[in-house]
Amino acid sequence: MRRSWDNTEEWCGYECHGLVERWVFTLDMNRDGLTTISDLTGCWGYLFYAPGDALIYFLIINAGGFARFMELSTASYGGFGSGILSFLAWWAVYGVFVYADKVDKNTAK
């Protein structure tokens, strides 16, 4: 089997099409052949949705029955559920930094 990053459907079939494709980062996010300022919104979306998309990817690969029950697929990447999960993940990261800053200030006294 030939493994190609450009055409995942060719080597892994319908079931995993898009699983690998999501995790290949490129600066040309709208794939028009040029890297321009309009690609920045795509880069922002790629980074923002990464935690939620990673959890969806994990569920599809490791908990297929649960993922099917929740109707999760590669089409769920960047969707409402992924957005909620990503928001919570980024909020937790922010909380860790705020808490670490408070602990650092308290230990310095």
PDB file of N, CA and C in Angstrom:
ATOM      1  N   MET A   1       0.829  -1.196   0.000  1.00  0.00           N
ATOM      2  CA  MET A   1       0.000   0.000   0.000  1.00  0.00           C
ATOM      3  C   MET A   1       0.864   1.247   0.000  1.00  0.00           C
ATOM      4  N   ARG A   2       0.526   2.162  -0.831  1.00  0.00           N
ATOM      5  CA  ARG A   2       1.256   3.423  -0.911  1.00  0.00           C
ATOM      6  C   ARG A   2       0.650   4.391   0.099  1.00  0.00           C
ATOM      7  N   ARG A   3       1.472   4.970   0.934  1.00  0.00           N
ATOM      8  CA  ARG A   3       0.986   5.943   1.910  1.00  0.00           C
ATOM      9  C   ARG A   3       1.335   7.337   1.435  1.00  0.00           C
ATOM     10  N   SER A   4       0.330   8.125   1.220  1.00  0.00           N
ATOM     11  CA  SER A   4       0.539   9.484   0.725  1.00  0.00           C
ATOM     12  C   SER A   4      -0.188  10.458   1.633  1.00  0.00           C
ATOM     13  N   TRP A   5       0.485  11.481   2.065  1.00  0.00           N
ATOM     14  CA  TRP A   5      -0.154  12.491   2.908  1.00  0.00           C
ATOM     15  C   TRP A   5      -1.179  13.289   2.129  1.00  0.00           C
ATOM     16  N   ASP A   6      -1.016  13.374   0.813  1.00  0.00           N
ATOM     17  CA  ASP A   6      -1.932  14.159   0.009  1.00  0.00           C
ATOM     18  C   ASP A   6      -3.257  13.457  -0.240  1.00  0.00           C
ATOM     19  N   ASN A   7      -3.264  12.139  -0.274  1.00  0.00           N
ATOM     20  CA  ASN A   7      -4.486  11.413  -0.579  1.00  0.00           C
ATOM     21  C   ASN A   7      -4.651  10.261   0.398  1.00  0.00           C
ATOM     22  N   THR A   8      -5.141  10.548   1.595  1.00  0.00           N
ATOM     23  CA  THR A   8      -5.272   9.521   2.625  1.00  0.00           C
ATOM     24  C   THR A   8      -6.306   8.480   2.252  1.00  0.00           C
ATOM     25  N   GLU A   9      -7.309   8.846   1.465  1.00  0.00           N
ATOM     26  CA  GLU A   9      -8.345   7.892   1.084  1.00  0.00           C
ATOM     27  C   GLU A   9      -7.753   6.747   0.267  1.00  0.00           C
ATOM     28  N   GLU A  10      -6.695   7.048  -0.482  1.00  0.00           N
ATOM     29  CA  GLU A  10      -6.077   6.051  -1.346  1.00  0.00           C
ATOM     30  C   GLU A  10      -5.489   4.898  -0.544  1.00  0.00           C
ATOM     31  N   TRP A  11      -4.900   5.171   0.621  1.00  0.00           N
ATOM     32  CA  TRP A  11      -4.245   4.107   1.355  1.00  0.00           C
ATOM     33  C   TRP A  11      -4.991   3.614   2.574  1.00  0.00           C
ATOM     34  N   CYS A  12      -5.918   4.393   3.107  1.00  0.00           N
ATOM     35  CA  CYS A  12      -6.599   3.896   4.302  1.00  0.00           C
ATOM     36  C   CYS A  12      -8.089   3.735   4.101  1.00  0.00           C
ATOM     37  N   GLY A  13      -8.609   4.040   2.939  1.00  0.00           N
ATOM     38  CA  GLY A  13     -10.011   3.776   2.664  1.00  0.00           C
ATOM     39  C   GLY A  13     -10.942   4.818   3.237  1.00  0.00           C
ATOM     40  N   TYR A  14     -12.213   4.599   3.059  1.00  0.00           N
ATOM     41  CA  TYR A  14     -13.243   5.562   3.444  1.00  0.00           C
ATOM     42  C   TYR A  14     -13.276   5.820   4.950  1.00  0.00           C
ATOM     43  N   GLU A  15     -13.059   4.779   5.762  1.00  0.00           N
ATOM     44  CA  GLU A  15     -13.256   4.897   7.202  1.00  0.00           C
ATOM     45  C   GLU A  15     -12.326   5.908   7.859  1.00  0.00           C
ATOM     46  N   CYS A  16     -11.102   6.015   7.394  1.00  0.00           N
ATOM     47  CA  CYS A  16     -10.178   6.922   8.078  1.00  0.00           C
ATOM     48  C   CYS A  16      -9.811   8.125   7.212  1.00  0.00           C
ATOM     49  N   HIS A  17     -10.521   8.356   6.123  1.00  0.00           N
ATOM     50  CA  HIS A  17     -10.221   9.521   5.287  1.00  0.00           C
ATOM     51  C   HIS A  17     -10.387  10.800   6.114  1.00  0.00           C
ATOM     52  N   GLY A  18      -9.390  11.608   6.149  1.00  0.00           N
ATOM     53  CA  GLY A  18      -9.446  12.853   6.900  1.00  0.00           C
ATOM     54  C   GLY A  18      -8.797  12.776   8.260  1.00  0.00           C
ATOM     55  N   LEU A  19      -8.583  11.577   8.787  1.00  0.00           N
ATOM     56  CA  LEU A  19      -7.958  11.478  10.107  1.00  0.00           C
ATOM     57  C   LEU A  19      -6.536  12.009  10.073  1.00  0.00           C
ATOM     58  N   VAL A  20      -5.779  11.616   9.075  1.00  0.00           N
ATOM     59  CA  VAL A  20      -4.400  12.068   8.958  1.00  0.00           C
ATOM     60  C   VAL A  20      -4.358  13.478   8.398  1.00  0.00           C
ATOM     61  N   GLU A  21      -5.231  13.756   7.458  1.00  0.00           N
ATOM     62  CA  GLU A  21      -5.228  15.045   6.770  1.00  0.00           C
ATOM     63  C   GLU A  21      -5.368  16.221   7.746  1.00  0.00           C
ATOM     64  N   ARG A  22      -6.134  16.085   8.787  1.00  0.00           N
ATOM     65  CA  ARG A  22      -6.355  17.158   9.758  1.00  0.00           C
ATOM     66  C   ARG A  22      -5.064  17.561  10.452  1.00  0.00           C
ATOM     67  N   TRP A  23      -4.160  16.628  10.626  1.00  0.00           N
ATOM     68  CA  TRP A  23      -2.978  16.895  11.434  1.00  0.00           C
ATOM     69  C   TRP A  23      -1.755  17.281  10.616  1.00  0.00           C
ATOM     70  N   VAL A  24      -1.939  17.582   9.344  1.00  0.00           N
ATOM     71  CA  VAL A  24      -0.845  18.080   8.510  1.00  0.00           C
ATOM     72  C   VAL A  24      -0.995  19.589   8.420  1.00  0.00           C
ATOM     73  N   PHE A  25      -0.073  20.316   9.070  1.00  0.00           N
ATOM     74  CA  PHE A  25      -0.156  21.774   9.110  1.00  0.00           C
ATOM     75  C   PHE A  25       0.503  22.376   7.886  1.00  0.00           C
ATOM     76  N   THR A  26      -0.137  23.362   7.315  1.00  0.00           N
ATOM     77  CA  THR A  26       0.434  24.117   6.210  1.00  0.00           C
ATOM     78  C   THR A  26       0.061  25.584   6.389  1.00  0.00           C
ATOM     79  N   LEU A  27       0.944  26.477   6.006  1.00  0.00           N
ATOM     80  CA  LEU A  27       0.621  27.900   6.115  1.00  0.00           C
ATOM     81  C   LEU A  27      -0.429  28.323   5.094  1.00  0.00           C
ATOM     82  N   ASP A  28      -0.524  27.587   3.994  1.00  0.00           N
ATOM     83  CA  ASP A  28      -1.532  27.879   2.967  1.00  0.00           C
ATOM     84  C   ASP A  28      -2.830  27.168   3.360  1.00  0.00           C
ATOM     85  N   MET A  29      -3.541  27.719   4.339  1.00  0.00           N
ATOM     86  CA  MET A  29      -4.704  27.052   4.904  1.00  0.00           C
ATOM     87  C   MET A  29      -5.889  26.965   3.946  1.00  0.00           C
ATOM     88  N   ASN A  30      -6.046  27.917   3.053  1.00  0.00           N
ATOM     89  CA  ASN A  30      -7.165  27.844   2.122  1.00  0.00           C
ATOM     90  C   ASN A  30      -6.774  27.137   0.814  1.00  0.00           C
ATOM     91  N   ARG A  31      -5.544  26.670   0.752  1.00  0.00           N
ATOM     92  CA  ARG A  31      -5.024  25.854  -0.350  1.00  0.00           C
ATOM     93  C   ARG A  31      -5.232  26.481  -1.732  1.00  0.00           C
ATOM     94  N   ASP A  32      -4.974  27.776  -1.805  1.00  0.00           N
ATOM     95  CA  ASP A  32      -5.070  28.450  -3.096  1.00  0.00           C
ATOM     96  C   ASP A  32      -3.707  28.579  -3.778  1.00  0.00           C
ATOM     97  N   GLY A  33      -2.679  28.017  -3.156  1.00  0.00           N
ATOM     98  CA  GLY A  33      -1.344  28.053  -3.750  1.00  0.00           C
ATOM     99  C   GLY A  33      -0.490  29.201  -3.273  1.00  0.00           C
ATOM    100  N   LEU A  34      -1.055  30.125  -2.505  1.00  0.00           N
ATOM    101  CA  LEU A  34      -0.323  31.280  -1.994  1.00  0.00           C
ATOM    102  C   LEU A  34      -0.509  31.387  -0.493  1.00  0.00           C
ATOM    103  N   THR A  35       0.508  31.870   0.194  1.00  0.00           N
ATOM    104  CA  THR A  35       0.371  32.164   1.612  1.00  0.00           C
ATOM    105  C   THR A  35       0.161  33.658   1.742  1.00  0.00           C
ATOM    106  N   THR A  36      -1.053  34.032   2.150  1.00  0.00           N
ATOM    107  CA  THR A  36      -1.417  35.444   2.248  1.00  0.00           C
ATOM    108  C   THR A  36      -2.052  35.709   3.610  1.00  0.00           C
ATOM    109  N   ILE A  37      -2.433  36.951   3.828  1.00  0.00           N
ATOM    110  CA  ILE A  37      -3.042  37.323   5.098  1.00  0.00           C
ATOM    111  C   ILE A  37      -4.377  36.600   5.325  1.00  0.00           C
ATOM    112  N   SER A  38      -5.054  36.221   4.266  1.00  0.00           N
ATOM    113  CA  SER A  38      -6.323  35.507   4.427  1.00  0.00           C
ATOM    114  C   SER A  38      -6.123  34.110   5.015  1.00  0.00           C
ATOM    115  N   ASP A  39      -4.905  33.602   4.997  1.00  0.00           N
ATOM    116  CA  ASP A  39      -4.619  32.301   5.592  1.00  0.00           C
ATOM    117  C   ASP A  39      -4.515  32.373   7.116  1.00  0.00           C
ATOM    118  N   LEU A  40      -4.394  33.583   7.673  1.00  0.00           N
ATOM    119  CA  LEU A  40      -4.264  33.729   9.128  1.00  0.00           C
ATOM    120  C   LEU A  40      -5.508  33.236   9.862  1.00  0.00           C
ATOM    121  N   THR A  41      -6.696  33.485   9.312  1.00  0.00           N
ATOM    122  CA  THR A  41      -7.910  33.000   9.979  1.00  0.00           C
ATOM    123  C   THR A  41      -7.932  31.485   9.991  1.00  0.00           C
ATOM    124  N   GLY A  42      -7.440  30.867   8.928  1.00  0.00           N
ATOM    125  CA  GLY A  42      -7.356  29.412   8.894  1.00  0.00           C
ATOM    126  C   GLY A  42      -6.364  28.881   9.909  1.00  0.00           C
ATOM    127  N   CYS A  43      -5.232  29.571  10.066  1.00  0.00           N
ATOM    128  CA  CYS A  43      -4.239  29.169  11.069  1.00  0.00           C
ATOM    129  C   CYS A  43      -4.814  29.308  12.474  1.00  0.00           C
ATOM    130  N   TRP A  44      -5.549  30.388  12.718  1.00  0.00           N
ATOM    131  CA  TRP A  44      -6.186  30.595  14.022  1.00  0.00           C
ATOM    132  C   TRP A  44      -7.171  29.466  14.305  1.00  0.00           C
ATOM    133  N   GLY A  45      -7.997  29.135  13.333  1.00  0.00           N
ATOM    134  CA  GLY A  45      -8.966  28.059  13.501  1.00  0.00           C
ATOM    135  C   GLY A  45      -8.288  26.721  13.722  1.00  0.00           C
ATOM    136  N   TYR A  46      -7.219  26.469  12.990  1.00  0.00           N
ATOM    137  CA  TYR A  46      -6.469  25.227  13.137  1.00  0.00           C
ATOM    138  C   TYR A  46      -5.969  25.078  14.579  1.00  0.00           C
ATOM    139  N   LEU A  47      -5.394  26.140  15.116  1.00  0.00           N
ATOM    140  CA  LEU A  47      -4.855  26.088  16.478  1.00  0.00           C
ATOM    141  C   LEU A  47      -5.961  26.050  17.528  1.00  0.00           C
ATOM    142  N   PHE A  48      -7.025  26.844  17.331  1.00  0.00           N
ATOM    143  CA  PHE A  48      -8.101  26.884  18.320  1.00  0.00           C
ATOM    144  C   PHE A  48      -8.804  25.535  18.432  1.00  0.00           C
ATOM    145  N   TYR A  49      -9.125  24.917  17.307  1.00  0.00           N
ATOM    146  CA  TYR A  49      -9.883  23.665  17.322  1.00  0.00           C
ATOM    147  C   TYR A  49      -9.029  22.434  17.577  1.00  0.00           C
ATOM    148  N   ALA A  50      -7.724  22.565  17.657  1.00  0.00           N
ATOM    149  CA  ALA A  50      -6.839  21.406  17.819  1.00  0.00           C
ATOM    150  C   ALA A  50      -7.171  20.536  19.033  1.00  0.00           C
ATOM    151  N   PRO A  51      -7.418  21.083  20.240  1.00  0.00           N
ATOM    152  CA  PRO A  51      -7.727  20.197  21.371  1.00  0.00           C
ATOM    153  C   PRO A  51      -9.013  19.395  21.172  1.00  0.00           C
ATOM    154  N   GLY A  52     -10.063  20.041  20.701  1.00  0.00           N
ATOM    155  CA  GLY A  52     -11.325  19.333  20.473  1.00  0.00           C
ATOM    156  C   GLY A  52     -11.201  18.308  19.370  1.00  0.00           C
ATOM    157  N   ASP A  53     -10.503  18.662  18.300  1.00  0.00           N
ATOM    158  CA  ASP A  53     -10.296  17.726  17.200  1.00  0.00           C
ATOM    159  C   ASP A  53      -9.446  16.540  17.646  1.00  0.00           C
ATOM    160  N   ALA A  54      -8.470  16.785  18.524  1.00  0.00           N
ATOM    161  CA  ALA A  54      -7.628  15.701  19.036  1.00  0.00           C
ATOM    162  C   ALA A  54      -8.463  14.716  19.860  1.00  0.00           C
ATOM    163  N   LEU A  55      -9.381  15.228  20.678  1.00  0.00           N
ATOM    164  CA  LEU A  55     -10.244  14.343  21.457  1.00  0.00           C
ATOM    165  C   LEU A  55     -11.167  13.549  20.537  1.00  0.00           C
ATOM    166  N   ILE A  56     -11.717  14.191  19.519  1.00  0.00           N
ATOM    167  CA  ILE A  56     -12.563  13.489  18.554  1.00  0.00           C
ATOM    168  C   ILE A  56     -11.755  12.409  17.835  1.00  0.00           C
ATOM    169  N   TYR A  57     -10.535  12.739  17.431  1.00  0.00           N
ATOM    170  CA  TYR A  57      -9.648  11.762  16.792  1.00  0.00           C
ATOM    171  C   TYR A  57      -9.405  10.578  17.720  1.00  0.00           C
ATOM    172  N   PHE A  58      -9.107  10.857  18.985  1.00  0.00           N
ATOM    173  CA  PHE A  58      -8.860   9.807  19.972  1.00  0.00           C
ATOM    174  C   PHE A  58     -10.082   8.909  20.113  1.00  0.00           C
ATOM    175  N   LEU A  59     -11.271   9.498  20.180  1.00  0.00           N
ATOM    176  CA  LEU A  59     -12.487   8.705  20.329  1.00  0.00           C
ATOM    177  C   LEU A  59     -12.764   7.847  19.096  1.00  0.00           C
ATOM    178  N   ILE A  60     -12.541   8.392  17.912  1.00  0.00           N
ATOM    179  CA  ILE A  60     -12.763   7.622  16.679  1.00  0.00           C
ATOM    180  C   ILE A  60     -11.825   6.426  16.622  1.00  0.00           C
ATOM    181  N   ILE A  61     -10.563   6.637  16.977  1.00  0.00           N
ATOM    182  CA  ILE A  61      -9.560   5.568  16.894  1.00  0.00           C
ATOM    183  C   ILE A  61      -9.721   4.552  18.015  1.00  0.00           C
ATOM    184  N   ASN A  62      -9.911   5.019  19.265  1.00  0.00           N
ATOM    185  CA  ASN A  62      -9.860   4.130  20.424  1.00  0.00           C
ATOM    186  C   ASN A  62     -11.218   3.735  20.996  1.00  0.00           C
ATOM    187  N   ALA A  63     -12.249   4.464  20.697  1.00  0.00           N
ATOM    188  CA  ALA A  63     -13.584   4.152  21.232  1.00  0.00           C
ATOM    189  C   ALA A  63     -14.601   4.268  20.101  1.00  0.00           C
ATOM    190  N   GLY A  64     -14.411   3.417  19.094  1.00  0.00           N
ATOM    191  CA  GLY A  64     -15.222   3.496  17.894  1.00  0.00           C
ATOM    192  C   GLY A  64     -16.714   3.375  18.148  1.00  0.00           C
ATOM    193  N   GLY A  65     -17.109   2.472  19.043  1.00  0.00           N
ATOM    194  CA  GLY A  65     -18.529   2.301  19.359  1.00  0.00           C
ATOM    195  C   GLY A  65     -19.124   3.559  19.965  1.00  0.00           C
ATOM    196  N   PHE A  66     -18.410   4.163  20.908  1.00  0.00           N
ATOM    197  CA  PHE A  66     -18.880   5.402  21.530  1.00  0.00           C
ATOM    198  C   PHE A  66     -18.908   6.537  20.512  1.00  0.00           C
ATOM    199  N   ALA A  67     -17.889   6.600  19.658  1.00  0.00           N
ATOM    200  CA  ALA A  67     -17.835   7.646  18.634  1.00  0.00           C
ATOM    201  C   ALA A  67     -19.007   7.512  17.667  1.00  0.00           C
ATOM    202  N   ARG A  68     -19.338   6.272  17.277  1.00  0.00           N
ATOM    203  CA  ARG A  68     -20.496   6.072  16.399  1.00  0.00           C
ATOM    204  C   ARG A  68     -21.779   6.476  17.104  1.00  0.00           C
ATOM    205  N   PHE A  69     -21.911   6.114  18.392  1.00  0.00           N
ATOM    206  CA  PHE A  69     -23.101   6.477  19.155  1.00  0.00           C
ATOM    207  C   PHE A  69     -23.260   7.991  19.239  1.00  0.00           C
ATOM    208  N   MET A  70     -22.157   8.694  19.442  1.00  0.00           N
ATOM    209  CA  MET A  70     -22.187  10.153  19.525  1.00  0.00           C
ATOM    210  C   MET A  70     -22.188  10.808  18.149  1.00  0.00           C
ATOM    211  N   GLU A  71     -22.176   9.976  17.089  1.00  0.00           N
ATOM    212  CA  GLU A  71     -22.176  10.437  15.701  1.00  0.00           C
ATOM    213  C   GLU A  71     -20.971  11.323  15.385  1.00  0.00           C
ATOM    214  N   LEU A  72     -19.817  10.913  15.893  1.00  0.00           N
ATOM    215  CA  LEU A  72     -18.575  11.634  15.630  1.00  0.00           C
ATOM    216  C   LEU A  72     -17.902  11.054  14.402  1.00  0.00           C
ATOM    217  N   SER A  73     -17.389  11.914  13.578  1.00  0.00           N
ATOM    218  CA  SER A  73     -16.633  11.498  12.393  1.00  0.00           C
ATOM    219  C   SER A  73     -15.644  12.613  12.073  1.00  0.00           C
ATOM    220  N   THR A  74     -14.928  12.449  10.988  1.00  0.00           N
ATOM    221  CA  THR A  74     -13.989  13.492  10.593  1.00  0.00           C
ATOM    222  C   THR A  74     -14.727  14.776  10.226  1.00  0.00           C
ATOM    223  N   ALA A  75     -16.010  14.668   9.916  1.00  0.00           N
ATOM    224  CA  ALA A  75     -16.815  15.866   9.633  1.00  0.00           C
ATOM    225  C   ALA A  75     -17.042  16.688  10.900  1.00  0.00           C
ATOM    226  N   SER A  76     -16.782  16.095  12.069  1.00  0.00           N
ATOM    227  CA  SER A  76     -16.948  16.805  13.340  1.00  0.00           C
ATOM    228  C   SER A  76     -15.792  17.745  13.638  1.00  0.00           C
ATOM    229  N   TYR A  77     -14.682  17.594  12.908  1.00  0.00           N
ATOM    230  CA  TYR A  77     -13.538  18.483  13.112  1.00  0.00           C
ATOM    231  C   TYR A  77     -13.956  19.926  12.852  1.00  0.00           C
ATOM    232  N   GLY A  78     -13.642  20.801  13.779  1.00  0.00           N
ATOM    233  CA  GLY A  78     -13.942  22.219  13.606  1.00  0.00           C
ATOM    234  C   GLY A  78     -15.408  22.559  13.781  1.00  0.00           C
ATOM    235  N   GLY A  79     -16.198  21.633  14.290  1.00  0.00           N
ATOM    236  CA  GLY A  79     -17.625  21.863  14.478  1.00  0.00           C
ATOM    237  C   GLY A  79     -17.951  22.424  15.850  1.00  0.00           C
ATOM    238  N   PHE A  80     -19.247  22.460  16.161  1.00  0.00           N
ATOM    239  CA  PHE A  80     -19.718  23.032  17.422  1.00  0.00           C
ATOM    240  C   PHE A  80     -19.158  22.269  18.629  1.00  0.00           C
ATOM    241  N   GLY A  81     -19.242  20.939  18.595  1.00  0.00           N
ATOM    242  CA  GLY A  81     -18.738  20.131  19.713  1.00  0.00           C
ATOM    243  C   GLY A  81     -17.243  20.291  19.902  1.00  0.00           C
ATOM    244  N   SER A  82     -16.524  20.297  18.806  1.00  0.00           N
ATOM    245  CA  SER A  82     -15.081  20.503  18.874  1.00  0.00           C
ATOM    246  C   SER A  82     -14.764  21.891  19.416  1.00  0.00           C
ATOM    247  N   GLY A  83     -15.579  22.875  19.045  1.00  0.00           N
ATOM    248  CA  GLY A  83     -15.381  24.236  19.545  1.00  0.00           C
ATOM    249  C   GLY A  83     -15.578  24.324  21.046  1.00  0.00           C
ATOM    250  N   ILE A  84     -16.632  23.661  21.560  1.00  0.00           N
ATOM    251  CA  ILE A  84     -16.878  23.660  23.015  1.00  0.00           C
ATOM    252  C   ILE A  84     -15.722  22.980  23.741  1.00  0.00           C
ATOM    253  N   LEU A  85     -15.307  21.805  23.262  1.00  0.00           N
ATOM    254  CA  LEU A  85     -14.194  21.090  23.892  1.00  0.00           C
ATOM    255  C   LEU A  85     -12.905  21.899  23.843  1.00  0.00           C
ATOM    256  N   SER A  86     -12.667  22.547  22.716  1.00  0.00           N
ATOM    257  CA  SER A  86     -11.460  23.363  22.577  1.00  0.00           C
ATOM    258  C   SER A  86     -11.497  24.570  23.501  1.00  0.00           C
ATOM    259  N   PHE A  87     -12.660  25.211  23.597  1.00  0.00           N
ATOM    260  CA  PHE A  87     -12.793  26.354  24.500  1.00  0.00           C
ATOM    261  C   PHE A  87     -12.492  25.939  25.936  1.00  0.00           C
ATOM    262  N   LEU A  88     -13.044  24.804  26.361  1.00  0.00           N
ATOM    263  CA  LEU A  88     -12.792  24.327  27.727  1.00  0.00           C
ATOM    264  C   LEU A  88     -11.309  23.992  27.933  1.00  0.00           C
ATOM    265  N   ALA A  89     -10.696  23.397  26.921  1.00  0.00           N
ATOM    266  CA  ALA A  89      -9.276  23.055  27.035  1.00  0.00           C
ATOM    267  C   ALA A  89      -8.416  24.307  27.134  1.00  0.00           C
ATOM    268  N   TRP A  90      -8.684  25.311  26.286  1.00  0.00           N
ATOM    269  CA  TRP A  90      -7.898  26.539  26.337  1.00  0.00           C
ATOM    270  C   TRP A  90      -8.162  27.307  27.623  1.00  0.00           C
ATOM    271  N   TRP A  91      -9.384  27.229  28.130  1.00  0.00           N
ATOM    272  CA  TRP A  91      -9.716  27.872  29.400  1.00  0.00           C
ATOM    273  C   TRP A  91      -8.929  27.214  30.536  1.00  0.00           C
ATOM    274  N   ALA A  92      -8.809  25.883  30.486  1.00  0.00           N
ATOM    275  CA  ALA A  92      -8.025  25.167  31.497  1.00  0.00           C
ATOM    276  C   ALA A  92      -6.550  25.554  31.419  1.00  0.00           C
ATOM    277  N   VAL A  93      -6.022  25.680  30.216  1.00  0.00           N
ATOM    278  CA  VAL A  93      -4.616  26.093  30.043  1.00  0.00           C
ATOM    279  C   VAL A  93      -4.414  27.483  30.632  1.00  0.00           C
ATOM    280  N   TYR A  94      -5.340  28.384  30.330  1.00  0.00           N
ATOM    281  CA  TYR A  94      -5.282  29.740  30.894  1.00  0.00           C
ATOM    282  C   TYR A  94      -5.317  29.677  32.418  1.00  0.00           C
ATOM    283  N   GLY A  95      -6.209  28.845  32.966  1.00  0.00           N
ATOM    284  CA  GLY A  95      -6.317  28.705  34.421  1.00  0.00           C
ATOM    285  C   GLY A  95      -5.041  28.196  35.054  1.00  0.00           C
ATOM    286  N   VAL A  96      -4.366  27.283  34.384  1.00  0.00           N
ATOM    287  CA  VAL A  96      -3.101  26.759  34.903  1.00  0.00           C
ATOM    288  C   VAL A  96      -2.072  27.886  35.000  1.00  0.00           C
ATOM    289  N   PHE A  97      -1.994  28.721  33.973  1.00  0.00           N
ATOM    290  CA  PHE A  97      -1.029  29.824  34.006  1.00  0.00           C
ATOM    291  C   PHE A  97      -1.388  30.860  35.067  1.00  0.00           C
ATOM    292  N   VAL A  98      -2.665  31.157  35.224  1.00  0.00           N
ATOM    293  CA  VAL A  98      -3.082  32.116  36.256  1.00  0.00           C
ATOM    294  C   VAL A  98      -2.787  31.550  37.638  1.00  0.00           C
ATOM    295  N   TYR A  99      -3.104  30.270  37.857  1.00  0.00           N
ATOM    296  CA  TYR A  99      -2.840  29.636  39.148  1.00  0.00           C
ATOM    297  C   TYR A  99      -1.338  29.593  39.433  1.00  0.00           C
ATOM    298  N   ALA A 100      -0.540  29.249  38.420  1.00  0.00           N
ATOM    299  CA  ALA A 100       0.916  29.180  38.609  1.00  0.00           C
ATOM    300  C   ALA A 100       1.465  30.556  38.940  1.00  0.00           C
ATOM    301  N   ASP A 101       0.913  31.596  38.343  1.00  0.00           N
ATOM    302  CA  ASP A 101       1.352  32.963  38.641  1.00  0.00           C
ATOM    303  C   ASP A 101       1.017  33.341  40.086  1.00  0.00           C
ATOM    304  N   LYS A 102      -0.177  32.962  40.551  1.00  0.00           N
ATOM    305  CA  LYS A 102      -0.563  33.258  41.928  1.00  0.00           C
ATOM    306  C   LYS A 102       0.305  32.489  42.916  1.00  0.00           C
ATOM    307  N   VAL A 103       0.595  31.226  42.627  1.00  0.00           N
ATOM    308  CA  VAL A 103       1.457  30.420  43.504  1.00  0.00           C
ATOM    309  C   VAL A 103       2.844  31.032  43.541  1.00  0.00           C
ATOM    310  N   ASP A 104       3.355  31.471  42.396  1.00  0.00           N
ATOM    311  CA  ASP A 104       4.686  32.075  42.330  1.00  0.00           C
ATOM    312  C   ASP A 104       4.727  33.353  43.154  1.00  0.00           C
ATOM    313  N   LYS A 105       3.675  34.182  43.082  1.00  0.00           N
ATOM    314  CA  LYS A 105       3.650  35.417  43.852  1.00  0.00           C
ATOM    315  C   LYS A 105       3.554  35.145  45.343  1.00  0.00           C
ATOM    316  N   ASN A 106       2.804  34.100  45.736  1.00  0.00           N
ATOM    317  CA  ASN A 106       2.673  33.762  47.152  1.00  0.00           C
ATOM    318  C   ASN A 106       3.954  33.192  47.736  1.00  0.00           C
ATOM    319  N   THR A 107       4.702  32.444  46.941  1.00  0.00           N
ATOM    320  CA  THR A 107       5.958  31.877  47.434  1.00  0.00           C
ATOM    321  C   THR A 107       7.053  32.942  47.514  1.00  0.00           C
ATOM    322  N   ALA A 108       6.949  33.967  46.729  1.00  0.00           N
ATOM    323  CA  ALA A 108       7.960  35.023  46.724  1.00  0.00           C
ATOM    324  C   ALA A 108       7.860  35.896  47.975  1.00  0.00           C
ATOM    325  N   LYS A 109       6.702  35.891  48.628  1.00  0.00           N
ATOM    326  CA  LYS A 109       6.515  36.760  49.818  1.00  0.00           C
ATOM    327  C   LYS A 109       7.247  36.252  51.022  1.00  0.00           C
TER     328      LYS A 109
END
